Amino acid sequence: MLSTSSNRSDDVVDVDQNSQPNLPIQQSKNQSLSHRPPPLAEAEMATRSLSEDSPPTPSWFTPPPTPSWFTPKRLLVIFCVINMLNYVDRGAIASNGVNGSQRTCDDKGICTSGSGIQGDFRLNNFQDGVLSSAFMVGLLVASPIFASLAKSHNPFRLIGVGLSVWTFATAGCGSSFDFWSIAICRMLVGVGEASFISLAAPFIDDNAPIPQKTAWLAVFYMCIPTGVALGYVYGGLVGSHLNWRYAFWGEAILMLPFAVLGFVIKPLQLKGFAPAESGKAQVVASVAEGSEASNLNDHVSEDISDQASERSIKSIGESRFLNQLSQFSQDMKVLLQEKVYVVNVLGYIAYNFVIGAYSYWGPKAGYNIYHMSNADMMFGGVTIVCGIVGTISGGFILDQMGATISNAFKLLSAATFLGAISCLTAFCLSSLYGFLALFTVGELLVFATQAPVNYVCLHSVKPSLRALSMAISTVSIHIFGDVPSSPLVGVLQDHVNNWRKTALALTSIFFLAAGIWFVGIFLKSIDKFNEDGENQISLDSKANMKPLLEGNGDNL
């Protein structure tokens, strides 16, 4: 019995010894048959072995990526500068130095030549108002398109494309020769601005520290009034010392580096969107399937195969377009069913109707009502201070109250109502200093709404709809807000010929915005920021998620 067992054990040992030399060969065969990385446990062992001077790293092991140059704070700074340049352009075209004045004639038939765009192209107030809003046509068409393309193309690259269009179109404004040429260039400026306006805020919302999300949005949207105000000053100085055309050329030069940056920097991803590579992989797979199907006919005829391949690729393209169109319509249906989002945008439309007309006609109204010789500088200075202090204060106040949708509506309605009272009272005063004091208080209050209103836009919809929600919000507030407001105010002024009455009628619309936002307080609101979108990863892998911007977010 003992000898039998010992023989068996020897046999076992012999078998093990004989099989040992074949293990590396078998392992190499297995590795050659599969390109997939080993399980997580083996990956951890491999990582551990690196620190122990183990053999060379296997081919399947991917070293951790180097930290991105983009930290969250750098991203915020860059986006703020770009946003400010966008609105410097809007302020510059409204300034007296760039916009200029009409050609006038007295009773004796003696005429004085106009100045700026209005004088050079002999525009009436209605045409001038249309010109200020012309770029909104491009914005209206392009914003939903860029928001939809973000699902199949990298959003960061789309921003680079948009900024390139903006740069060339702004340079075209400086080279325009009549009303229609500059109007077309303004439309193209709107196309370029659409990509940035739709996609920048979701990027910031993704990367801001959780306790300071509203404050970061406030810093970003602070650049809107600040940019407009700087545009007043910039346009006034350049227009008076050089020529209004140089103002546009200068803007294009300043924006050019950021347009290039959008193409050369490593692209970033948005929460709620699948990586662009996955979409490309699907296209390649689809084309490959189509090619395989067409190659089945190779034994019949090579020409038939080529035709089949072309038809297959064409059908794939048509199918993708129809799928994107269907997805867009579905997303729009979901978006318009969100009552909180719709009420927020309706209030924003009424608010922007006033702000848009203020930004365009403000310097001219101030010049005529209070005989301000330096209206550009005066309105620019007040708007810079109020824009910075008011917008940042609104964001910090909401963070202190607790960043919820309900609290955002409370802040929106209260600030707009009190701001309306202050601005309305200011235009009733005959004293310049009394007007400036009350108007400053009013602007501080109305600018406090910028961060809360965009917070509601971002958090009342699921992550995959944020880009579309920002696009539709932007389109709505412009097409129903400041697009009609500038020419309508021009028509009203042509009719009543009294800037004080025109300003009072315009300011009263603030009360409508406050009332709409007040209704939002009583709506059932759910913060959907953490809801999974259609392209979100599974819950099990969320623990292993890396930040969109790698590196230390505390360092600039």
Protein backbone atom coordinates (compact mmCIF):
# COMPACT_ATOMS: atom_id res chain seq x y z
CA MET A 1 0.00 0.00 0.00
CA LEU A 2 2.78 2.38 0.88
CA SER A 3 4.61 1.68 -2.30
CA THR A 4 1.49 2.25 -4.32
CA SER A 5 0.78 5.59 -2.77
CA SER A 6 4.35 6.68 -3.12
CA ASN A 7 4.33 5.71 -6.76
CA ARG A 8 1.19 7.71 -7.32
CA SER A 9 2.66 10.72 -5.62
CA ASP A 10 5.76 10.37 -7.73
CA ASP A 11 3.57 10.23 -10.78
CA VAL A 12 1.87 13.41 -9.73
CA VAL A 13 5.16 15.12 -9.15
CA ASP A 14 6.40 13.94 -12.51
CA VAL A 15 3.35 15.27 -14.22
CA ASP A 16 3.74 18.67 -12.55
CA GLN A 17 7.37 18.85 -13.44
CA ASN A 18 6.71 17.89 -16.99
CA SER A 19 3.91 20.39 -17.35
CA GLN A 20 5.82 23.31 -15.86
CA PRO A 21 7.97 24.14 -18.87
CA ASN A 22 4.87 24.30 -21.03
CA LEU A 23 3.13 26.95 -18.87
CA PRO A 24 4.85 29.98 -20.39
CA ILE A 25 4.07 28.68 -23.85
CA GLN A 26 0.44 28.14 -22.95
CA GLN A 27 0.26 31.61 -21.34
CA SER A 28 1.76 33.25 -24.39
CA LYS A 29 -0.79 31.47 -26.54
CA ASN A 30 -3.60 32.73 -24.33
CA GLN A 31 -2.22 36.26 -24.44
CA SER A 32 -1.92 36.15 -28.18
CA LEU A 33 -5.54 34.99 -28.49
CA SER A 34 -6.93 37.79 -26.32
CA HIS A 35 -6.05 41.47 -26.21
CA ARG A 36 -8.22 42.18 -23.21
CA PRO A 37 -6.50 43.35 -20.00
CA PRO A 38 -6.42 40.96 -17.03
CA PRO A 39 -8.97 41.21 -14.21
CA LEU A 40 -8.84 44.07 -11.69
CA ALA A 41 -7.00 41.93 -9.12
CA GLU A 42 -4.22 41.14 -11.58
CA ALA A 43 -4.04 44.79 -12.58
CA GLU A 44 -3.54 45.78 -8.95
CA MET A 45 -0.80 43.15 -8.59
CA ALA A 46 0.87 44.49 -11.71
CA THR A 47 0.71 48.03 -10.35
CA ARG A 48 2.17 46.87 -7.04
CA SER A 49 5.00 45.10 -8.81
CA LEU A 50 6.06 48.32 -10.51
CA SER A 51 7.08 49.81 -7.20
CA GLU A 52 9.17 46.69 -6.44
CA ASP A 53 11.34 46.94 -9.57
CA SER A 54 9.53 44.07 -11.20
CA PRO A 55 10.01 43.04 -14.85
CA PRO A 56 8.97 45.44 -17.65
CA THR A 57 5.37 46.62 -17.77
CA PRO A 58 3.10 44.32 -19.80
CA SER A 59 1.83 45.68 -23.10
CA TRP A 60 -1.75 45.81 -21.85
CA PHE A 61 -0.93 48.04 -18.87
CA THR A 62 -1.72 51.73 -19.46
CA PRO A 63 0.18 54.15 -17.22
CA PRO A 64 -1.87 56.83 -15.48
CA PRO A 65 -2.31 59.98 -17.58
CA THR A 66 -0.21 63.00 -16.83
CA PRO A 67 -2.10 65.82 -15.11
CA SER A 68 -3.85 68.14 -17.54
CA TRP A 69 -2.70 71.74 -17.79
CA PHE A 70 -6.35 72.63 -17.30
CA THR A 71 -7.25 72.99 -13.65
CA PRO A 72 -10.82 74.03 -12.81
CA LYS A 73 -9.73 77.56 -11.93
CA ARG A 74 -7.80 77.97 -15.18
CA LEU A 75 -10.82 76.78 -17.11
CA LEU A 76 -12.98 79.34 -15.29
CA VAL A 77 -10.52 82.16 -16.03
CA ILE A 78 -10.29 81.31 -19.73
CA PHE A 79 -14.06 81.01 -20.12
CA CYS A 80 -14.55 84.31 -18.27
CA VAL A 81 -12.20 86.13 -20.64
CA ILE A 82 -13.94 84.64 -23.69
CA ASN A 83 -17.36 85.54 -22.29
CA MET A 84 -16.21 89.07 -21.58
CA LEU A 85 -14.93 89.50 -25.15
CA ASN A 86 -18.31 88.33 -26.48
CA TYR A 87 -20.07 91.06 -24.54
CA VAL A 88 -17.43 93.71 -25.15
CA ASP A 89 -18.51 93.35 -28.77
CA ARG A 90 -22.15 93.96 -27.81
CA GLY A 91 -21.24 97.00 -25.73
CA ALA A 92 -18.96 98.42 -28.41
CA ILE A 93 -21.61 98.36 -31.13
CA ALA A 94 -24.01 100.16 -28.76
CA SER A 95 -21.52 102.87 -27.76
CA ASN A 96 -21.82 106.37 -29.14
CA GLY A 97 -18.28 106.10 -30.47
CA VAL A 98 -19.06 103.07 -32.67
CA ASN A 99 -22.81 103.33 -33.16
CA GLY A 100 -22.65 107.07 -33.69
CA SER A 101 -25.53 109.37 -34.56
CA GLN A 102 -27.88 110.11 -37.47
CA ARG A 103 -27.40 112.73 -40.13
CA THR A 104 -29.58 115.70 -39.11
CA CYS A 105 -30.94 118.74 -40.95
CA ASP A 106 -32.38 121.93 -39.46
CA ASP A 107 -35.30 124.04 -40.70
CA LYS A 108 -33.00 126.05 -42.96
CA GLY A 109 -31.88 122.93 -44.77
CA ILE A 110 -28.42 122.92 -43.25
CA CYS A 111 -27.40 119.31 -42.60
CA THR A 112 -24.72 117.87 -40.37
CA SER A 113 -23.10 114.59 -41.25
CA GLY A 114 -23.67 111.75 -38.85
CA SER A 115 -21.00 109.71 -37.15
CA GLY A 116 -20.19 106.05 -36.60
CA ILE A 117 -22.17 103.21 -38.18
CA GLN A 118 -25.45 105.08 -38.10
CA GLY A 119 -23.96 108.11 -39.81
CA ASP A 120 -21.82 106.28 -42.37
CA PHE A 121 -24.65 104.00 -43.53
CA ARG A 122 -27.45 106.58 -42.95
CA LEU A 123 -29.58 104.36 -40.70
CA ASN A 124 -32.78 105.39 -38.95
CA ASN A 125 -33.48 104.25 -35.37
CA PHE A 126 -35.42 101.19 -36.51
CA GLN A 127 -32.61 100.00 -38.82
CA ASP A 128 -30.11 100.72 -36.07
CA GLY A 129 -32.14 98.57 -33.65
CA VAL A 130 -32.35 95.77 -36.21
CA LEU A 131 -28.59 95.93 -36.64
CA SER A 132 -28.00 95.47 -32.91
CA SER A 133 -30.14 92.32 -32.97
CA ALA A 134 -29.03 90.91 -36.33
CA PHE A 135 -26.57 88.47 -34.79
CA MET A 136 -29.45 86.88 -32.83
CA VAL A 137 -30.67 85.27 -36.06
CA GLY A 138 -27.42 83.31 -36.26
CA LEU A 139 -27.63 82.58 -32.55
CA LEU A 140 -31.19 81.29 -32.91
CA VAL A 141 -30.31 78.83 -35.67
CA ALA A 142 -26.90 77.72 -34.39
CA SER A 143 -27.51 77.23 -30.64
CA PRO A 144 -29.73 74.10 -30.90
CA ILE A 145 -27.45 72.71 -33.62
CA PHE A 146 -24.33 73.01 -31.46
CA ALA A 147 -26.19 71.56 -28.47
CA SER A 148 -27.26 68.53 -30.54
CA LEU A 149 -23.80 68.06 -32.07
CA ALA A 150 -22.35 67.88 -28.54
CA LYS A 151 -23.78 64.36 -28.27
CA SER A 152 -21.72 63.08 -31.21
CA HIS A 153 -18.75 65.48 -31.26
CA ASN A 154 -16.48 66.69 -28.50
CA PRO A 155 -18.04 69.84 -26.99
CA PHE A 156 -14.66 71.48 -26.42
CA ARG A 157 -13.80 71.23 -30.11
CA LEU A 158 -17.21 72.67 -30.99
CA ILE A 159 -16.35 75.72 -28.90
CA GLY A 160 -13.14 76.09 -30.93
CA VAL A 161 -15.12 76.00 -34.18
CA GLY A 162 -17.57 78.61 -32.89
CA LEU A 163 -14.84 80.98 -31.71
CA SER A 164 -13.15 80.73 -35.11
CA VAL A 165 -16.37 81.77 -36.84
CA TRP A 166 -16.79 84.61 -34.32
CA THR A 167 -13.27 85.89 -34.98
CA PHE A 168 -13.60 86.05 -38.77
CA ALA A 169 -17.14 87.49 -38.61
CA THR A 170 -16.09 90.28 -36.21
CA ALA A 171 -13.23 91.20 -38.52
CA GLY A 172 -15.81 91.25 -41.33
CA CYS A 173 -17.91 93.79 -39.40
CA GLY A 174 -14.96 96.17 -39.44
CA SER A 175 -14.61 95.70 -43.20
CA SER A 176 -18.33 96.11 -44.06
CA PHE A 177 -19.40 98.66 -46.67
CA ASP A 178 -23.19 99.02 -46.19
CA PHE A 179 -26.11 98.04 -43.95
CA TRP A 180 -26.61 94.57 -45.41
CA SER A 181 -22.95 93.60 -45.31
CA ILE A 182 -22.59 94.45 -41.64
CA ALA A 183 -25.95 92.82 -40.87
CA ILE A 184 -24.77 89.53 -42.42
CA CYS A 185 -21.52 89.68 -40.46
CA ARG A 186 -23.48 90.28 -37.24
CA MET A 187 -25.51 87.15 -37.96
CA LEU A 188 -22.29 85.16 -38.32
CA VAL A 189 -21.06 86.60 -35.02
CA GLY A 190 -24.20 85.08 -33.50
CA VAL A 191 -23.37 81.70 -35.03
CA GLY A 192 -19.91 81.80 -33.47
CA GLU A 193 -21.18 82.87 -30.08
CA ALA A 194 -23.81 80.09 -30.03
CA SER A 195 -21.36 77.24 -29.38
CA PHE A 196 -19.72 78.96 -26.42
CA ILE A 197 -22.92 80.20 -24.77
CA SER A 198 -24.53 76.74 -24.97
CA LEU A 199 -21.58 74.68 -23.71
CA ALA A 200 -19.46 76.85 -21.38
CA ALA A 201 -21.83 76.89 -18.39
CA PRO A 202 -22.17 73.06 -18.20
CA PHE A 203 -18.37 72.76 -18.21
CA ILE A 204 -18.12 75.19 -15.29
CA ASP A 205 -20.98 73.50 -13.43
CA ASP A 206 -19.21 70.13 -13.79
CA ASN A 207 -15.90 71.31 -12.36
CA ALA A 208 -16.88 73.87 -9.71
CA PRO A 209 -16.56 72.83 -6.05
CA ILE A 210 -19.97 71.64 -4.83
CA PRO A 211 -20.39 74.31 -2.09
CA GLN A 212 -19.45 77.06 -4.57
CA LYS A 213 -21.25 76.08 -7.78
CA THR A 214 -23.50 79.14 -7.81
CA ALA A 215 -20.60 81.43 -6.92
CA TRP A 216 -18.55 80.10 -9.86
CA LEU A 217 -21.50 80.59 -12.20
CA ALA A 218 -21.84 84.11 -10.78
CA VAL A 219 -18.20 84.88 -11.62
CA PHE A 220 -18.77 83.61 -15.16
CA TYR A 221 -21.98 85.59 -15.71
CA MET A 222 -20.45 88.65 -14.06
CA CYS A 223 -18.56 89.00 -17.33
CA ILE A 224 -21.81 89.83 -19.17
CA PRO A 225 -22.49 93.27 -17.62
CA THR A 226 -18.78 93.88 -17.17
CA GLY A 227 -18.11 93.08 -20.82
CA VAL A 228 -20.95 95.30 -22.03
CA ALA A 229 -19.70 98.15 -19.83
CA LEU A 230 -16.11 97.75 -21.03
CA GLY A 231 -17.52 97.70 -24.56
CA TYR A 232 -19.10 101.12 -23.97
CA VAL A 233 -15.76 102.53 -22.83
CA TYR A 234 -13.71 100.67 -25.45
CA GLY A 235 -16.05 101.66 -28.29
CA GLY A 236 -16.17 105.27 -27.14
CA LEU A 237 -12.39 105.59 -26.97
CA VAL A 238 -11.59 103.76 -30.21
CA GLY A 239 -14.44 105.39 -32.13
CA SER A 240 -13.52 108.92 -31.08
CA HIS A 241 -9.74 108.63 -31.47
CA LEU A 242 -9.45 106.27 -34.46
CA ASN A 243 -12.48 104.93 -36.32
CA TRP A 244 -15.38 102.64 -35.42
CA ARG A 245 -13.96 99.92 -37.71
CA TYR A 246 -10.83 99.52 -35.56
CA ALA A 247 -13.01 98.49 -32.62
CA PHE A 248 -14.15 95.33 -34.45
CA TRP A 249 -10.68 94.53 -35.77
CA GLY A 250 -9.27 94.81 -32.24
CA GLU A 251 -11.89 92.36 -30.90
CA ALA A 252 -11.00 89.81 -33.59
CA ILE A 253 -7.28 90.00 -32.72
CA LEU A 254 -8.02 89.48 -29.01
CA MET A 255 -10.24 86.44 -29.63
CA LEU A 256 -7.94 84.68 -32.12
CA PRO A 257 -5.67 82.97 -29.50
CA PHE A 258 -8.70 81.44 -27.75
CA ALA A 259 -10.06 80.12 -31.05
CA VAL A 260 -6.71 78.39 -31.67
CA LEU A 261 -6.67 77.09 -28.08
CA GLY A 262 -9.93 75.26 -28.70
CA PHE A 263 -8.17 73.05 -31.26
CA VAL A 264 -4.73 72.51 -29.72
CA ILE A 265 -5.62 71.79 -26.06
CA LYS A 266 -6.59 68.26 -25.06
CA PRO A 267 -10.40 68.16 -25.36
CA LEU A 268 -12.61 67.83 -22.28
CA GLN A 269 -15.79 65.83 -21.76
CA LEU A 270 -19.14 66.91 -20.32
CA LYS A 271 -21.07 65.00 -17.70
CA GLY A 272 -24.03 63.21 -19.27
CA PHE A 273 -22.38 62.82 -22.68
CA ALA A 274 -20.61 59.79 -24.09
CA PRO A 275 -17.01 60.37 -25.23
CA ALA A 276 -16.74 61.46 -28.85
CA GLU A 277 -14.53 58.43 -29.54
CA SER A 278 -17.44 56.10 -28.80
CA GLY A 279 -19.51 57.78 -31.47
CA LYS A 280 -16.65 57.47 -33.94
CA ALA A 281 -16.24 53.83 -33.06
CA GLN A 282 -19.90 53.23 -33.80
CA VAL A 283 -19.54 54.89 -37.18
CA VAL A 284 -16.45 52.84 -38.02
CA ALA A 285 -18.24 49.66 -36.95
CA SER A 286 -21.26 50.56 -39.03
CA VAL A 287 -19.11 51.29 -42.08
CA ALA A 288 -17.26 48.02 -41.53
CA GLU A 289 -20.53 46.12 -41.40
CA GLY A 290 -21.64 47.79 -44.59
CA SER A 291 -18.31 46.94 -46.25
CA GLU A 292 -18.59 43.29 -45.19
CA ALA A 293 -22.09 43.12 -46.61
CA SER A 294 -20.96 44.60 -49.91
CA ASN A 295 -17.93 42.31 -50.14
CA LEU A 296 -20.26 39.31 -50.27
CA ASN A 297 -20.93 40.26 -53.86
CA ASP A 298 -17.26 40.37 -54.87
CA HIS A 299 -17.55 37.03 -56.62
CA VAL A 300 -20.28 38.52 -58.85
CA SER A 301 -18.78 41.82 -59.88
CA GLU A 302 -16.30 44.35 -58.49
CA ASP A 303 -18.39 47.26 -59.78
CA ILE A 304 -21.51 46.00 -58.05
CA SER A 305 -19.49 45.73 -54.83
CA ASP A 306 -18.32 49.34 -55.06
CA GLN A 307 -21.86 50.57 -55.71
CA ALA A 308 -23.18 48.54 -52.80
CA SER A 309 -20.49 49.96 -50.54
CA GLU A 310 -21.33 53.53 -51.57
CA ARG A 311 -25.03 52.94 -51.00
CA SER A 312 -24.27 51.38 -47.61
CA ILE A 313 -22.17 54.36 -46.47
CA LYS A 314 -24.82 56.79 -47.74
CA SER A 315 -27.59 54.91 -45.95
CA ILE A 316 -25.52 54.94 -42.76
CA GLY A 317 -25.14 58.73 -43.03
CA GLU A 318 -28.84 59.19 -43.65
CA SER A 319 -29.66 56.90 -40.75
CA ARG A 320 -27.39 58.85 -38.41
CA PHE A 321 -28.97 62.15 -39.47
CA LEU A 322 -32.48 60.80 -38.93
CA ASN A 323 -31.47 59.38 -35.56
CA GLN A 324 -30.02 62.74 -34.46
CA LEU A 325 -33.15 64.53 -35.65
CA SER A 326 -35.36 62.06 -33.79
CA GLN A 327 -33.23 62.39 -30.65
CA PHE A 328 -33.41 66.18 -30.86
CA SER A 329 -37.20 66.14 -31.11
CA GLN A 330 -37.43 63.76 -28.15
CA ASP A 331 -35.10 65.94 -26.08
CA MET A 332 -37.13 69.04 -26.94
CA LYS A 333 -40.34 67.31 -25.88
CA VAL A 334 -38.81 66.34 -22.52
CA LEU A 335 -37.41 69.85 -22.05
CA LEU A 336 -40.70 71.63 -22.74
CA GLN A 337 -42.51 69.34 -20.28
CA GLU A 338 -40.32 70.58 -17.43
CA LYS A 339 -42.59 73.20 -15.84
CA VAL A 340 -39.82 74.61 -13.64
CA TYR A 341 -37.55 75.13 -16.64
CA VAL A 342 -40.32 76.72 -18.74
CA VAL A 343 -41.37 79.17 -15.99
CA ASN A 344 -37.74 80.11 -15.39
CA VAL A 345 -37.17 80.86 -19.09
CA LEU A 346 -40.40 82.86 -19.38
CA GLY A 347 -39.27 85.13 -16.55
CA TYR A 348 -35.84 85.36 -18.12
CA ILE A 349 -37.39 86.47 -21.44
CA ALA A 350 -39.22 89.39 -19.79
CA TYR A 351 -36.08 90.30 -17.84
CA ASN A 352 -33.86 90.22 -20.92
CA PHE A 353 -36.35 92.31 -22.90
CA VAL A 354 -35.51 95.20 -20.58
CA ILE A 355 -31.79 94.47 -20.16
CA GLY A 356 -31.27 94.17 -23.92
CA ALA A 357 -32.86 97.54 -24.60
CA TYR A 358 -31.01 99.10 -21.65
CA SER A 359 -27.66 97.90 -22.97
CA TYR A 360 -28.30 99.28 -26.45
CA TRP A 361 -30.27 102.48 -25.85
CA GLY A 362 -28.97 103.34 -22.35
CA PRO A 363 -26.10 105.65 -23.33
CA LYS A 364 -28.26 107.44 -25.89
CA ALA A 365 -31.17 107.85 -23.44
CA GLY A 366 -28.86 109.15 -20.72
CA TYR A 367 -27.33 111.63 -23.14
CA ASN A 368 -30.74 112.99 -24.14
CA ILE A 369 -32.51 112.97 -20.75
CA TYR A 370 -29.69 114.23 -18.52
CA HIS A 371 -27.45 115.80 -21.18
CA MET A 372 -24.49 113.60 -20.26
CA SER A 373 -21.58 114.65 -22.42
CA ASN A 374 -19.74 111.45 -21.40
CA ALA A 375 -22.68 109.03 -21.40
CA ASP A 376 -20.55 106.12 -22.62
CA MET A 377 -18.12 106.50 -19.73
CA MET A 378 -20.87 107.13 -17.17
CA PHE A 379 -23.04 104.15 -18.12
CA GLY A 380 -19.96 102.02 -18.60
CA GLY A 381 -18.59 102.80 -15.14
CA VAL A 382 -21.90 102.23 -13.35
CA THR A 383 -22.54 98.97 -15.21
CA ILE A 384 -19.03 97.64 -14.50
CA VAL A 385 -19.35 98.21 -10.74
CA CYS A 386 -22.94 96.98 -10.53
CA GLY A 387 -22.29 94.03 -12.81
CA ILE A 388 -19.35 92.77 -10.76
CA VAL A 389 -20.79 93.39 -7.30
CA GLY A 390 -24.39 92.48 -8.12
CA THR A 391 -23.71 89.27 -10.05
CA ILE A 392 -21.17 87.87 -7.57
CA SER A 393 -23.39 88.85 -4.64
CA GLY A 394 -26.34 87.00 -6.17
CA GLY A 395 -24.27 83.82 -6.45
CA PHE A 396 -22.89 84.00 -2.91
CA ILE A 397 -26.29 84.86 -1.42
CA LEU A 398 -27.86 81.80 -3.04
CA ASP A 399 -25.02 79.60 -1.78
CA GLN A 400 -25.59 80.97 1.74
CA MET A 401 -29.36 80.47 1.50
CA GLY A 402 -28.81 76.93 0.25
CA ALA A 403 -28.48 76.37 -3.49
CA THR A 404 -31.92 74.95 -4.27
CA ILE A 405 -34.29 75.72 -7.12
CA SER A 406 -36.95 77.08 -4.76
CA ASN A 407 -34.49 79.46 -3.09
CA ALA A 408 -33.28 80.56 -6.52
CA PHE A 409 -36.83 81.58 -7.49
CA LYS A 410 -37.21 83.50 -4.21
CA LEU A 411 -34.04 85.44 -4.90
CA LEU A 412 -34.99 86.05 -8.53
CA SER A 413 -38.45 87.46 -7.78
CA ALA A 414 -37.37 89.62 -4.81
CA ALA A 415 -34.27 91.11 -6.46
CA THR A 416 -36.09 91.88 -9.73
CA PHE A 417 -39.08 93.48 -7.98
CA LEU A 418 -36.94 95.76 -5.79
CA GLY A 419 -34.65 96.55 -8.73
CA ALA A 420 -37.64 97.55 -10.85
CA ILE A 421 -38.82 100.00 -8.19
CA SER A 422 -35.38 101.60 -7.95
CA CYS A 423 -34.90 101.97 -11.72
CA LEU A 424 -38.44 103.28 -12.25
CA THR A 425 -37.99 105.89 -9.53
CA ALA A 426 -34.59 106.87 -10.96
CA PHE A 427 -36.04 107.78 -14.36
CA CYS A 428 -38.70 109.92 -12.67
CA LEU A 429 -36.07 112.20 -11.12
CA SER A 430 -34.81 115.31 -12.84
CA SER A 431 -31.53 115.40 -10.90
CA LEU A 432 -28.62 113.62 -12.56
CA TYR A 433 -27.06 112.64 -9.23
CA GLY A 434 -30.35 111.33 -7.86
CA PHE A 435 -30.81 109.32 -11.03
CA LEU A 436 -27.32 107.82 -10.81
CA ALA A 437 -27.74 106.87 -7.13
CA LEU A 438 -31.09 105.06 -7.57
CA PHE A 439 -30.18 103.56 -10.93
CA THR A 440 -27.01 102.12 -9.38
CA VAL A 441 -29.06 100.45 -6.63
CA GLY A 442 -31.49 99.13 -9.24
CA GLU A 443 -28.72 97.68 -11.40
CA LEU A 444 -27.12 96.01 -8.37
CA LEU A 445 -30.40 94.23 -7.66
CA VAL A 446 -31.27 93.19 -11.20
CA PHE A 447 -27.75 91.88 -11.88
CA ALA A 448 -28.03 89.65 -8.79
CA THR A 449 -30.30 87.39 -10.88
CA GLN A 450 -27.65 86.13 -13.32
CA ALA A 451 -26.30 83.20 -11.30
CA PRO A 452 -29.66 81.99 -9.87
CA VAL A 453 -31.49 82.00 -13.23
CA ASN A 454 -28.77 79.94 -14.90
CA TYR A 455 -28.53 77.64 -11.89
CA VAL A 456 -32.20 76.76 -12.42
CA CYS A 457 -31.58 76.15 -16.13
CA LEU A 458 -28.78 73.71 -15.34
CA HIS A 459 -30.33 71.87 -12.39
CA SER A 460 -33.96 71.55 -13.46
CA VAL A 461 -33.01 69.09 -16.26
CA LYS A 462 -30.97 65.88 -16.34
CA PRO A 463 -27.25 66.20 -17.19
CA SER A 464 -27.55 65.05 -20.80
CA LEU A 465 -30.01 67.90 -21.51
CA ARG A 466 -28.00 70.73 -19.95
CA ALA A 467 -26.38 71.88 -23.19
CA LEU A 468 -29.75 71.90 -24.95
CA SER A 469 -31.41 73.66 -22.00
CA MET A 470 -28.78 76.43 -22.12
CA ALA A 471 -29.13 76.67 -25.90
CA ILE A 472 -32.94 76.95 -25.84
CA SER A 473 -32.78 79.40 -22.93
CA THR A 474 -30.30 81.56 -24.84
CA VAL A 475 -32.36 81.41 -28.03
CA SER A 476 -35.60 82.19 -26.19
CA ILE A 477 -34.36 85.19 -24.21
CA HIS A 478 -32.91 86.67 -27.36
CA ILE A 479 -35.58 85.90 -29.97
CA PHE A 480 -38.42 86.93 -27.63
CA GLY A 481 -36.40 89.33 -25.47
CA ASP A 482 -33.68 91.65 -26.70
CA VAL A 483 -34.15 90.93 -30.43
CA PRO A 484 -37.56 92.63 -30.58
CA SER A 485 -36.90 95.03 -27.69
CA SER A 486 -34.24 97.18 -29.38
CA PRO A 487 -36.21 97.92 -32.58
CA LEU A 488 -39.50 98.21 -30.66
CA VAL A 489 -38.01 100.76 -28.30
CA GLY A 490 -36.70 102.58 -31.37
CA VAL A 491 -40.21 102.62 -32.86
CA LEU A 492 -41.69 103.83 -29.55
CA GLN A 493 -39.13 106.60 -29.31
CA ASP A 494 -39.77 107.66 -32.91
CA HIS A 495 -43.47 107.86 -32.01
CA VAL A 496 -43.39 109.64 -28.61
CA ASN A 497 -40.08 111.49 -29.11
CA ASN A 498 -39.49 111.47 -25.34
CA TRP A 499 -36.71 109.32 -23.93
CA ARG A 500 -37.98 109.60 -20.34
CA LYS A 501 -41.39 108.15 -21.19
CA THR A 502 -39.77 105.47 -23.31
CA ALA A 503 -37.46 104.48 -20.43
CA LEU A 504 -40.35 104.33 -17.94
CA ALA A 505 -42.45 102.15 -20.21
CA LEU A 506 -39.52 99.80 -20.76
CA THR A 507 -38.59 99.54 -17.06
CA SER A 508 -42.14 98.55 -16.04
CA ILE A 509 -41.66 95.18 -17.78
CA PHE A 510 -39.32 94.20 -14.91
CA PHE A 511 -42.47 93.72 -12.77
CA LEU A 512 -43.72 91.08 -15.21
CA ALA A 513 -40.45 89.15 -14.85
CA ALA A 514 -40.65 89.33 -11.05
CA GLY A 515 -44.23 88.01 -11.12
CA ILE A 516 -43.38 85.04 -13.33
CA TRP A 517 -40.43 84.03 -11.13
CA PHE A 518 -42.64 84.41 -8.06
CA VAL A 519 -44.89 81.68 -9.48
CA GLY A 520 -41.86 79.40 -9.70
CA ILE A 521 -41.53 79.36 -5.91
CA PHE A 522 -44.70 77.29 -5.62
CA LEU A 523 -43.83 74.72 -8.29
CA LYS A 524 -42.63 71.27 -7.26
CA SER A 525 -38.93 71.35 -8.04
CA ILE A 526 -36.35 68.53 -8.07
CA ASP A 527 -32.63 69.08 -8.55
CA LYS A 528 -31.75 66.67 -11.37
CA PHE A 529 -28.02 67.36 -11.51
CA ASN A 530 -27.12 63.89 -10.18
CA GLU A 531 -29.61 61.98 -12.30
CA ASP A 532 -28.00 59.65 -14.81
CA GLY A 533 -28.36 60.71 -18.43
CA GLU A 534 -28.69 58.33 -21.32
CA ASN A 535 -24.93 58.18 -21.77
CA GLN A 536 -23.97 58.12 -18.11
CA ILE A 537 -21.89 55.30 -16.72
CA SER A 538 -23.27 52.68 -14.36
CA LEU A 539 -23.67 53.30 -10.65
CA ASP A 540 -21.12 50.58 -9.81
CA SER A 541 -18.33 52.45 -11.59
CA LYS A 542 -19.08 55.91 -10.19
CA ALA A 543 -16.69 55.32 -7.30
CA ASN A 544 -13.82 55.04 -9.77
CA MET A 545 -14.72 58.18 -11.74
CA LYS A 546 -11.92 60.68 -12.34
CA PRO A 547 -12.57 64.42 -12.41
CA LEU A 548 -13.11 65.96 -15.82
CA LEU A 549 -10.15 68.18 -15.17
CA GLU A 550 -7.19 66.31 -13.76
CA GLY A 551 -4.81 67.97 -11.39
CA ASN A 552 -5.12 69.93 -8.21
CA GLY A 553 -8.19 72.10 -8.40
CA ASP A 554 -6.94 74.27 -5.56
CA ASN A 555 -4.07 75.62 -7.63
CA LEU A 556 -4.41 78.04 -10.46
